[in-house]
Amino acid sequence: MLKAKRLIILALLVTNCDTGNLTTIIDLPIILNEVSGVETDAENSVFWMVNDSGNKPILYGLDSNGNIIKSIKIKAKNRDWEDLTTDPRGNVYIGNFGNNSNDSKELSILKISIDSIVADKTFITPEVIKFKYPEQKKFPPKKSKRHFDCEAFFYFNDSLYLFTKSRQPKKPGKTKLYKLPVTKGTYKAEYIDTFNTCDDSECWVTSADINAKGNKLALLTENSVFVFSNLKSSAFFKSDLKRYVFDYKSQKESVAFKNDSTLYIADEYLGVDGGNLYEFKID
């Protein structure tokens, strides 16, 4: 009886965890305990999600209650899946570009056709957008030049925009912005600009999204989100900026706009903390 009471108390502590200025809306299924990408399909009330490297190559579709209503097997290795994005037609893009050691020559983005999704296929062969960073000459480069990891991107104006995650020990908050086409092929990513979030590893950029109007951009880190507004074309970092700091500490991996004033944020499950989808208010 005593053991049962302890289990009940533990369950209450978990379900009533104080997440500060993050509002929990879904306790994610345990199969998504390493969630690394979230995107929304508002028209069909679906959250698309994927797991990080080492997990099965599956694109999950969840309803608003957190039930998995689609499990689409992708004919591609989950080498290191990170972020998700969609285009206006509803095609889904999976960022297979995680590169912790900066030694990979197999960076790519997987394009999942909306026609295949609508046809309710459970096994899909993606189009593959392969790319490399033109500045990278060694695999891996020396530690002071390890700026070729990536966990964040989005679709905007017929292009894909990638934000790198620095592995340089002295500049962990440095992120470089690159641009890629959205069609199958092999490309050199086009460098655009650089931004520095802060000077510690909690400021690594782990996800990005842009709102439907194309005038607000969110860059997620573990402890905050940077929101750029009144965007100046693709010169994103020269736009108006506000940083929002989270009260709740967890491994936040995914961000997506719900609307102009609300973000969806997901974090990994770390034993007791995390493993949820949240709403977060911005101006």
Protein backbone atom coordinates (compact mmCIF):
# COMPACT_ATOMS: atom_id res chain seq x y z
CA MET A 1 0.00 0.00 0.00
CA LEU A 2 2.83 2.35 0.93
CA LYS A 3 4.55 1.63 -2.39
CA ALA A 4 1.34 2.42 -4.27
CA LYS A 5 1.00 5.76 -2.47
CA ARG A 6 4.57 6.67 -3.35
CA LEU A 7 3.87 5.91 -7.01
CA ILE A 8 0.78 8.12 -6.91
CA ILE A 9 2.76 10.98 -5.34
CA LEU A 10 5.50 10.62 -7.96
CA ALA A 11 2.90 10.69 -10.74
CA LEU A 12 1.39 13.88 -9.32
CA LEU A 13 4.79 15.52 -9.13
CA VAL A 14 5.47 14.69 -12.75
CA THR A 15 2.08 15.79 -14.08
CA ASN A 16 2.15 19.01 -12.05
CA CYS A 17 5.72 19.94 -12.88
CA ASP A 18 6.18 23.71 -12.81
CA THR A 19 7.08 24.67 -16.37
CA GLY A 20 7.05 28.40 -15.67
CA ASN A 21 6.08 30.49 -18.69
CA LEU A 22 5.66 27.37 -20.85
CA THR A 23 2.14 25.92 -20.94
CA THR A 24 2.05 22.14 -21.42
CA ILE A 25 -0.55 21.11 -24.00
CA ILE A 26 0.56 17.54 -24.81
CA ASP A 27 2.46 14.93 -22.84
CA LEU A 28 4.23 13.33 -25.80
CA PRO A 29 4.12 9.53 -26.34
CA ILE A 30 7.20 7.75 -25.01
CA ILE A 31 8.10 6.72 -28.56
CA LEU A 32 8.90 10.42 -29.15
CA ASN A 33 11.17 10.75 -26.12
CA GLU A 34 13.96 12.12 -28.37
CA VAL A 35 11.79 14.47 -30.40
CA SER A 36 13.98 16.69 -32.58
CA GLY A 37 11.56 18.33 -34.99
CA VAL A 38 8.00 19.66 -34.91
CA GLU A 39 5.91 21.19 -37.69
CA THR A 40 2.21 21.91 -37.92
CA ASP A 41 -0.44 21.13 -40.50
CA ALA A 42 -3.15 23.47 -39.23
CA GLU A 43 -5.55 22.64 -42.05
CA ASN A 44 -5.66 18.97 -41.03
CA SER A 45 -4.99 19.53 -37.30
CA VAL A 46 -1.80 17.45 -37.37
CA PHE A 47 1.53 17.88 -35.61
CA TRP A 48 4.38 16.30 -37.60
CA MET A 49 7.28 15.05 -35.47
CA VAL A 50 10.52 13.09 -35.82
CA ASN A 51 13.09 11.67 -33.42
CA ASP A 52 16.82 12.29 -33.29
CA SER A 53 19.60 10.00 -34.60
CA GLY A 54 19.60 6.31 -33.72
CA ASN A 55 15.81 6.09 -33.89
CA LYS A 56 13.63 4.58 -36.61
CA PRO A 57 13.19 6.61 -39.82
CA ILE A 58 9.55 7.42 -39.15
CA LEU A 59 7.55 10.61 -39.62
CA TYR A 60 4.86 10.72 -36.93
CA GLY A 61 1.55 12.57 -37.20
CA LEU A 62 -0.16 13.45 -33.91
CA ASP A 63 -3.61 14.87 -33.23
CA SER A 64 -4.29 17.67 -30.75
CA ASN A 65 -4.56 15.16 -27.89
CA GLY A 66 -1.15 13.67 -28.59
CA ASN A 67 -2.42 10.47 -30.20
CA ILE A 68 -0.29 9.13 -33.06
CA ILE A 69 -2.62 8.99 -36.06
CA LYS A 70 0.05 8.48 -38.75
CA SER A 71 3.36 6.59 -38.76
CA ILE A 72 5.04 7.01 -42.12
CA LYS A 73 8.19 4.97 -42.69
CA ILE A 74 10.74 6.89 -44.73
CA LYS A 75 13.06 4.94 -47.03
CA ALA A 76 16.20 6.64 -45.71
CA LYS A 77 18.52 6.21 -42.76
CA ASN A 78 17.95 8.38 -39.72
CA ARG A 79 21.61 9.36 -39.66
CA ASP A 80 20.85 12.45 -37.59
CA TRP A 81 17.38 13.86 -38.20
CA GLU A 82 16.90 17.25 -36.62
CA ASP A 83 14.36 19.89 -37.65
CA LEU A 84 11.19 19.79 -39.78
CA THR A 85 9.57 22.30 -42.10
CA THR A 86 6.78 22.39 -44.70
CA ASP A 87 6.07 24.40 -47.83
CA PRO A 88 2.73 25.97 -48.88
CA ARG A 89 1.71 22.81 -50.78
CA GLY A 90 2.15 20.69 -47.65
CA ASN A 91 5.35 18.87 -48.62
CA VAL A 92 7.33 17.95 -45.53
CA TYR A 93 11.11 18.42 -45.30
CA ILE A 94 13.27 16.49 -42.82
CA GLY A 95 16.66 17.96 -41.94
CA ASN A 96 19.07 15.03 -42.05
CA PHE A 97 21.96 17.34 -41.28
CA GLY A 98 22.99 16.82 -37.65
CA ASN A 99 26.78 16.77 -37.63
CA ASN A 100 28.09 16.76 -34.05
CA SER A 101 31.65 15.86 -35.00
CA ASN A 102 31.70 18.02 -38.15
CA ASP A 103 32.97 15.01 -40.09
CA SER A 104 29.96 14.01 -42.21
CA LYS A 105 29.93 14.13 -46.02
CA GLU A 106 26.35 12.87 -46.15
CA LEU A 107 24.36 15.98 -45.24
CA SER A 108 20.91 16.13 -46.79
CA ILE A 109 17.31 17.23 -46.58
CA LEU A 110 14.57 14.68 -47.28
CA LYS A 111 11.51 15.97 -49.13
CA ILE A 112 8.32 14.01 -48.41
CA SER A 113 5.72 14.61 -51.10
CA ILE A 114 2.28 15.75 -49.99
CA ASP A 115 0.83 13.54 -52.73
CA SER A 116 2.33 10.49 -51.01
CA ILE A 117 1.00 11.63 -47.65
CA VAL A 118 -2.51 12.26 -49.04
CA ALA A 119 -2.43 8.84 -50.69
CA ASP A 120 -2.02 7.50 -47.15
CA LYS A 121 1.14 5.60 -47.97
CA THR A 122 2.87 4.06 -44.98
CA PHE A 123 6.25 3.72 -46.72
CA ILE A 124 7.61 6.65 -48.72
CA THR A 125 10.76 7.16 -50.76
CA PRO A 126 11.80 10.82 -50.37
CA GLU A 127 13.44 13.19 -52.79
CA VAL A 128 16.93 13.92 -51.50
CA ILE A 129 18.50 17.37 -51.45
CA LYS A 130 22.21 16.76 -50.84
CA PHE A 131 24.52 19.58 -49.87
CA LYS A 132 27.85 20.62 -48.41
CA TYR A 133 29.24 23.77 -46.84
CA PRO A 134 31.65 25.37 -49.35
CA GLU A 135 33.93 26.69 -46.57
CA GLN A 136 34.56 23.23 -45.12
CA LYS A 137 37.77 21.69 -46.43
CA LYS A 138 38.57 19.10 -43.73
CA PHE A 139 36.36 16.42 -42.13
CA PRO A 140 36.52 17.22 -39.29
CA PRO A 141 38.21 20.63 -39.30
CA LYS A 142 40.23 21.78 -36.30
CA LYS A 143 38.09 22.65 -33.26
CA SER A 144 38.27 26.40 -33.83
CA LYS A 145 36.52 25.96 -37.20
CA ARG A 146 33.76 23.53 -36.27
CA HIS A 147 30.71 25.47 -37.40
CA PHE A 148 29.17 22.78 -39.60
CA ASP A 149 26.65 21.10 -37.29
CA CYS A 150 23.00 22.01 -37.91
CA GLU A 151 19.67 21.48 -36.12
CA ALA A 152 17.51 24.27 -37.52
CA PHE A 153 15.90 25.28 -40.82
CA PHE A 154 12.70 26.42 -42.50
CA TYR A 155 11.11 26.96 -45.92
CA PHE A 156 10.68 30.55 -47.11
CA ASN A 157 10.10 32.04 -50.57
CA ASP A 158 10.98 28.90 -52.54
CA SER A 159 14.22 28.28 -50.62
CA LEU A 160 15.40 26.47 -47.50
CA TYR A 161 17.25 28.45 -44.83
CA LEU A 162 19.63 26.62 -42.49
CA PHE A 163 21.05 27.85 -39.17
CA THR A 164 24.20 26.09 -38.00
CA LYS A 165 25.08 24.97 -34.48
CA SER A 166 28.62 25.88 -33.45
CA ARG A 167 30.91 23.22 -31.97
CA GLN A 168 33.75 25.70 -31.49
CA PRO A 169 34.52 25.69 -27.73
CA LYS A 170 35.00 29.45 -27.46
CA LYS A 171 32.02 30.48 -29.63
CA PRO A 172 29.13 28.08 -28.86
CA GLY A 173 26.48 30.68 -29.65
CA LYS A 174 27.67 31.40 -33.18
CA THR A 175 25.17 30.45 -35.89
CA LYS A 176 25.69 30.80 -39.63
CA LEU A 177 22.80 31.23 -42.05
CA TYR A 178 22.83 29.32 -45.34
CA LYS A 179 20.41 28.98 -48.26
CA LEU A 180 19.51 25.95 -50.39
CA PRO A 181 17.13 25.15 -53.29
CA VAL A 182 14.06 22.99 -52.59
CA THR A 183 14.50 20.55 -55.49
CA LYS A 184 16.30 17.22 -55.68
CA GLY A 185 20.01 17.56 -56.42
CA THR A 186 23.47 18.13 -54.98
CA TYR A 187 24.39 21.68 -53.97
CA LYS A 188 26.84 23.96 -52.23
CA ALA A 189 24.98 25.83 -49.51
CA GLU A 190 25.00 29.60 -50.04
CA TYR A 191 26.35 31.51 -47.03
CA ILE A 192 24.30 34.59 -46.10
CA ASP A 193 25.12 35.91 -42.62
CA THR A 194 26.25 35.17 -39.03
CA PHE A 195 24.63 35.81 -35.64
CA ASN A 196 25.76 35.19 -32.06
CA THR A 197 23.15 34.16 -29.50
CA CYS A 198 25.35 34.18 -26.37
CA ASP A 199 28.55 32.70 -24.99
CA ASP A 200 27.60 29.35 -23.47
CA SER A 201 26.44 25.95 -24.77
CA GLU A 202 22.84 26.55 -23.62
CA CYS A 203 22.64 29.06 -26.48
CA TRP A 204 23.18 26.50 -29.24
CA VAL A 205 20.52 26.97 -31.92
CA THR A 206 18.36 23.82 -31.85
CA SER A 207 15.42 24.75 -34.11
CA ALA A 208 13.95 27.54 -36.23
CA ASP A 209 10.67 28.56 -37.81
CA ILE A 210 9.05 31.43 -39.67
CA ASN A 211 5.42 32.52 -39.37
CA ALA A 212 2.83 32.24 -42.14
CA LYS A 213 3.10 35.95 -43.03
CA GLY A 214 6.87 35.67 -43.40
CA ASN A 215 7.55 38.61 -41.09
CA LYS A 216 8.60 36.83 -37.88
CA LEU A 217 11.41 34.34 -37.31
CA ALA A 218 12.05 32.26 -34.18
CA LEU A 219 15.44 30.79 -33.26
CA LEU A 220 15.25 28.31 -30.39
CA THR A 221 17.93 27.53 -27.81
CA GLU A 222 17.68 25.49 -24.60
CA ASN A 223 17.13 28.51 -22.38
CA SER A 224 15.48 31.07 -24.66
CA VAL A 225 13.98 31.92 -28.01
CA PHE A 226 15.14 34.79 -30.23
CA VAL A 227 12.33 36.38 -32.23
CA PHE A 228 13.21 38.56 -35.21
CA SER A 229 10.33 40.66 -36.53
CA ASN A 230 9.68 43.06 -39.43
CA LEU A 231 11.98 40.82 -41.44
CA LYS A 232 14.08 42.52 -44.08
CA SER A 233 13.91 39.98 -46.93
CA SER A 234 16.50 37.25 -46.21
CA ALA A 235 18.71 39.62 -44.18
CA PHE A 236 17.03 38.16 -41.10
CA PHE A 237 19.65 39.16 -38.53
CA LYS A 238 19.31 42.85 -39.41
CA SER A 239 15.63 42.83 -38.38
CA ASP A 240 14.08 43.84 -35.06
CA LEU A 241 15.03 41.42 -32.28
CA LYS A 242 13.66 40.39 -28.91
CA ARG A 243 14.90 37.56 -26.71
CA TYR A 244 12.50 35.61 -24.48
CA VAL A 245 14.05 33.63 -21.61
CA PHE A 246 12.38 30.42 -20.36
CA ASP A 247 11.73 29.81 -16.66
CA TYR A 248 11.81 26.06 -17.17
CA LYS A 249 15.13 24.30 -17.82
CA SER A 250 14.98 21.36 -20.23
CA GLN A 251 16.46 20.12 -23.51
CA LYS A 252 14.33 22.09 -25.94
CA GLU A 253 14.69 20.82 -29.50
CA SER A 254 11.82 22.10 -31.63
CA VAL A 255 9.89 25.28 -32.35
CA ALA A 256 6.97 26.07 -34.67
CA PHE A 257 4.61 29.03 -34.97
CA LYS A 258 1.01 28.44 -33.95
CA ASN A 259 0.18 32.04 -34.85
CA ASP A 260 1.87 35.45 -34.70
CA SER A 261 1.75 35.57 -30.89
CA THR A 262 2.18 31.91 -29.90
CA LEU A 263 4.91 29.34 -30.42
CA TYR A 264 4.85 25.57 -30.07
CA ILE A 265 7.96 24.22 -28.35
CA ALA A 266 8.90 20.58 -27.73
CA ASP A 267 11.61 19.11 -25.51
CA GLU A 268 13.20 15.71 -25.05
CA TYR A 269 12.18 13.44 -22.17
CA LEU A 270 14.99 13.21 -19.60
CA GLY A 271 13.69 10.76 -17.00
CA VAL A 272 11.38 13.14 -15.14
CA ASP A 273 11.61 16.47 -16.93
CA GLY A 274 10.53 17.25 -20.48
CA GLY A 275 8.86 15.09 -23.08
CA ASN A 276 6.13 17.63 -23.75
CA LEU A 277 4.71 19.98 -26.35
CA TYR A 278 4.18 23.48 -24.98
CA GLU A 279 2.66 26.78 -25.98
CA PHE A 280 4.71 29.93 -25.39
CA LYS A 281 3.44 33.49 -25.75
CA ILE A 282 5.41 36.19 -27.55
CA ASP A 283 4.57 39.81 -28.39
